[in-house]
């Protein structure tokens, strides 16, 4: 791991526990699991993960919105 940093984010305990559990089942630390998950995200044409919702109004001026 190059240039490791501590994450200062607050997340729900349920999601933290889920990631920790998935990492444990994968025989990995939570940090290694997170690294692998980020490195393998499938990105769309916007350059964001495919599961992030599209903003239907993206590119429209406020006067053009319904």
N, C-alpha and C. Protein backbone atom coordinates (compact mmCIF):
# COMPACT_ATOMS: atom_id res chain seq x y z
N UNK A 1 0.85 -1.17 0.00
CA UNK A 1 0.00 0.00 0.00
C UNK A 1 0.90 1.23 0.00
N UNK A 2 0.64 2.10 -0.93
CA UNK A 2 1.45 3.31 -1.06
C UNK A 2 0.76 4.49 -0.40
N UNK A 3 1.47 5.23 0.42
CA UNK A 3 0.98 6.44 1.07
C UNK A 3 -0.36 6.22 1.80
N UNK A 4 -0.40 5.32 2.78
CA UNK A 4 -1.65 5.06 3.49
C UNK A 4 -2.11 6.25 4.32
N UNK A 5 -3.42 6.45 4.37
CA UNK A 5 -4.02 7.51 5.17
C UNK A 5 -5.20 6.94 5.94
N UNK A 6 -5.48 7.53 7.08
CA UNK A 6 -6.66 7.12 7.85
C UNK A 6 -7.87 7.88 7.31
N UNK A 7 -8.97 7.17 7.15
CA UNK A 7 -10.20 7.80 6.67
C UNK A 7 -10.93 8.41 7.85
N UNK A 8 -11.32 9.65 7.71
CA UNK A 8 -12.01 10.33 8.79
C UNK A 8 -13.50 10.45 8.56
N UNK A 9 -14.08 9.52 7.82
CA UNK A 9 -15.50 9.58 7.49
C UNK A 9 -16.32 8.93 8.59
N UNK A 10 -17.54 9.41 8.74
CA UNK A 10 -18.51 8.76 9.62
C UNK A 10 -19.50 8.02 8.74
N UNK A 11 -19.69 6.75 9.04
CA UNK A 11 -20.65 5.93 8.29
C UNK A 11 -21.55 5.24 9.32
N UNK A 12 -22.66 4.72 8.84
CA UNK A 12 -23.55 4.02 9.77
C UNK A 12 -22.85 2.75 10.27
N UNK A 13 -23.14 2.41 11.50
CA UNK A 13 -22.51 1.21 12.07
C UNK A 13 -22.93 -0.04 11.31
N UNK A 14 -24.16 -0.04 10.78
CA UNK A 14 -24.63 -1.20 10.02
C UNK A 14 -23.80 -1.40 8.75
N UNK A 15 -23.50 -0.31 8.05
CA UNK A 15 -22.68 -0.43 6.83
C UNK A 15 -21.24 -0.78 7.16
N UNK A 16 -20.71 -0.23 8.25
CA UNK A 16 -19.36 -0.60 8.67
C UNK A 16 -19.31 -2.08 8.99
N UNK A 17 -20.32 -2.56 9.72
CA UNK A 17 -20.35 -3.98 10.08
C UNK A 17 -20.50 -4.86 8.84
N UNK A 18 -21.26 -4.38 7.87
CA UNK A 18 -21.44 -5.16 6.64
C UNK A 18 -20.12 -5.29 5.89
N UNK A 19 -19.40 -4.19 5.75
CA UNK A 19 -18.10 -4.24 5.06
C UNK A 19 -17.12 -5.11 5.83
N UNK A 20 -17.11 -4.96 7.14
CA UNK A 20 -16.21 -5.77 7.96
C UNK A 20 -16.55 -7.26 7.81
N UNK A 21 -17.84 -7.57 7.80
CA UNK A 21 -18.26 -8.96 7.62
C UNK A 21 -17.90 -9.51 6.25
N UNK A 22 -18.11 -8.71 5.21
CA UNK A 22 -17.74 -9.14 3.86
C UNK A 22 -16.24 -9.36 3.75
N UNK A 23 -15.48 -8.47 4.36
CA UNK A 23 -14.02 -8.61 4.34
C UNK A 23 -13.61 -9.89 5.06
N UNK A 24 -14.21 -10.14 6.21
CA UNK A 24 -13.88 -11.35 6.99
C UNK A 24 -14.18 -12.60 6.18
N UNK A 25 -15.36 -12.63 5.50
CA UNK A 25 -15.71 -13.79 4.67
C UNK A 25 -14.75 -13.96 3.50
N UNK A 26 -14.14 -12.85 3.08
CA UNK A 26 -13.19 -12.87 1.96
C UNK A 26 -11.76 -13.12 2.44
N UNK A 27 -11.60 -13.32 3.75
CA UNK A 27 -10.28 -13.54 4.37
C UNK A 27 -9.36 -12.35 4.13
N UNK A 28 -9.93 -11.14 4.30
CA UNK A 28 -9.18 -9.91 4.11
C UNK A 28 -9.47 -8.97 5.28
N UNK A 29 -8.58 -8.01 5.45
CA UNK A 29 -8.88 -6.94 6.40
C UNK A 29 -9.90 -6.01 5.75
N UNK A 30 -10.58 -5.21 6.55
CA UNK A 30 -11.54 -4.25 6.01
C UNK A 30 -10.83 -3.26 5.10
N UNK A 31 -9.62 -2.86 5.45
CA UNK A 31 -8.87 -1.91 4.63
C UNK A 31 -8.51 -2.52 3.27
N UNK A 32 -8.04 -3.77 3.27
CA UNK A 32 -7.70 -4.43 2.01
C UNK A 32 -8.95 -4.63 1.15
N UNK A 33 -10.06 -4.97 1.80
CA UNK A 33 -11.32 -5.15 1.09
C UNK A 33 -11.74 -3.84 0.44
N UNK A 34 -11.67 -2.73 1.18
CA UNK A 34 -12.02 -1.42 0.65
C UNK A 34 -11.14 -1.07 -0.56
N UNK A 35 -9.82 -1.28 -0.43
CA UNK A 35 -8.90 -1.00 -1.53
C UNK A 35 -9.28 -1.78 -2.78
N UNK A 36 -9.54 -3.07 -2.63
CA UNK A 36 -9.89 -3.92 -3.76
C UNK A 36 -11.23 -3.50 -4.37
N UNK A 37 -12.18 -3.14 -3.51
CA UNK A 37 -13.49 -2.71 -3.99
C UNK A 37 -13.36 -1.44 -4.83
N UNK A 38 -12.60 -0.47 -4.35
CA UNK A 38 -12.42 0.79 -5.09
C UNK A 38 -11.68 0.55 -6.40
N UNK A 39 -10.67 -0.29 -6.38
CA UNK A 39 -9.88 -0.56 -7.58
C UNK A 39 -10.68 -1.29 -8.65
N UNK A 40 -11.79 -1.92 -8.27
CA UNK A 40 -12.56 -2.71 -9.23
C UNK A 40 -13.95 -2.15 -9.52
N UNK A 41 -14.19 -0.89 -9.19
CA UNK A 41 -15.47 -0.27 -9.50
C UNK A 41 -15.66 -0.18 -11.01
N UNK A 42 -16.84 -0.56 -11.47
CA UNK A 42 -17.19 -0.42 -12.88
C UNK A 42 -17.74 0.98 -13.08
N UNK A 43 -17.07 1.78 -13.91
CA UNK A 43 -17.48 3.16 -14.13
C UNK A 43 -18.23 3.31 -15.44
N UNK A 44 -19.17 4.25 -15.47
CA UNK A 44 -19.92 4.51 -16.69
C UNK A 44 -19.26 5.64 -17.47
N UNK A 45 -19.96 6.13 -18.49
CA UNK A 45 -19.41 7.18 -19.36
C UNK A 45 -19.17 8.49 -18.61
N UNK A 46 -19.80 8.66 -17.45
CA UNK A 46 -19.59 9.86 -16.64
C UNK A 46 -18.34 9.75 -15.78
N UNK A 47 -17.80 8.53 -15.68
CA UNK A 47 -16.64 8.30 -14.84
C UNK A 47 -17.01 8.06 -13.38
N UNK A 48 -18.26 7.68 -13.12
CA UNK A 48 -18.73 7.36 -11.77
C UNK A 48 -19.26 5.94 -11.77
N UNK A 49 -19.37 5.31 -10.59
CA UNK A 49 -19.88 3.94 -10.56
C UNK A 49 -21.24 3.82 -11.25
N UNK A 50 -21.44 2.69 -11.92
CA UNK A 50 -22.65 2.45 -12.69
C UNK A 50 -23.91 2.53 -11.85
N UNK A 51 -23.83 2.26 -10.57
CA UNK A 51 -25.01 2.23 -9.72
C UNK A 51 -25.40 3.60 -9.17
N UNK A 52 -24.61 4.65 -9.48
CA UNK A 52 -24.97 6.00 -9.05
C UNK A 52 -26.06 6.52 -9.99
N UNK A 53 -27.17 7.00 -9.44
CA UNK A 53 -28.27 7.46 -10.31
C UNK A 53 -27.84 8.61 -11.22
N UNK A 54 -28.45 8.63 -12.40
CA UNK A 54 -28.23 9.72 -13.34
C UNK A 54 -29.07 10.91 -12.92
N UNK A 55 -28.51 12.10 -13.07
CA UNK A 55 -29.28 13.32 -12.84
C UNK A 55 -29.97 13.63 -14.16
N UNK A 56 -31.27 13.41 -14.21
CA UNK A 56 -32.03 13.59 -15.45
C UNK A 56 -31.96 15.03 -15.96
N UNK A 57 -31.73 15.99 -15.07
CA UNK A 57 -31.69 17.39 -15.46
C UNK A 57 -30.28 17.88 -15.78
N UNK A 58 -29.29 17.00 -15.76
CA UNK A 58 -27.91 17.39 -16.01
C UNK A 58 -27.77 18.05 -17.37
N UNK A 59 -27.15 19.20 -17.41
CA UNK A 59 -26.93 19.91 -18.65
C UNK A 59 -28.05 20.86 -19.01
N UNK A 60 -29.12 20.89 -18.22
CA UNK A 60 -30.23 21.81 -18.50
C UNK A 60 -30.10 23.05 -17.63
N UNK A 61 -30.43 24.16 -18.19
CA UNK A 61 -30.49 25.39 -17.42
C UNK A 61 -31.75 25.39 -16.58
N UNK A 62 -31.77 26.11 -15.47
CA UNK A 62 -32.98 26.12 -14.63
C UNK A 62 -34.24 26.54 -15.37
N UNK A 63 -34.10 27.40 -16.37
CA UNK A 63 -35.28 27.84 -17.12
C UNK A 63 -35.83 26.76 -18.03
N UNK A 64 -35.01 25.74 -18.34
CA UNK A 64 -35.43 24.65 -19.22
C UNK A 64 -36.07 23.50 -18.47
N UNK A 65 -35.96 23.51 -17.13
CA UNK A 65 -36.50 22.42 -16.34
C UNK A 65 -38.00 22.56 -16.20
N UNK A 66 -38.71 21.44 -16.19
CA UNK A 66 -40.18 21.51 -16.05
C UNK A 66 -40.60 22.07 -14.70
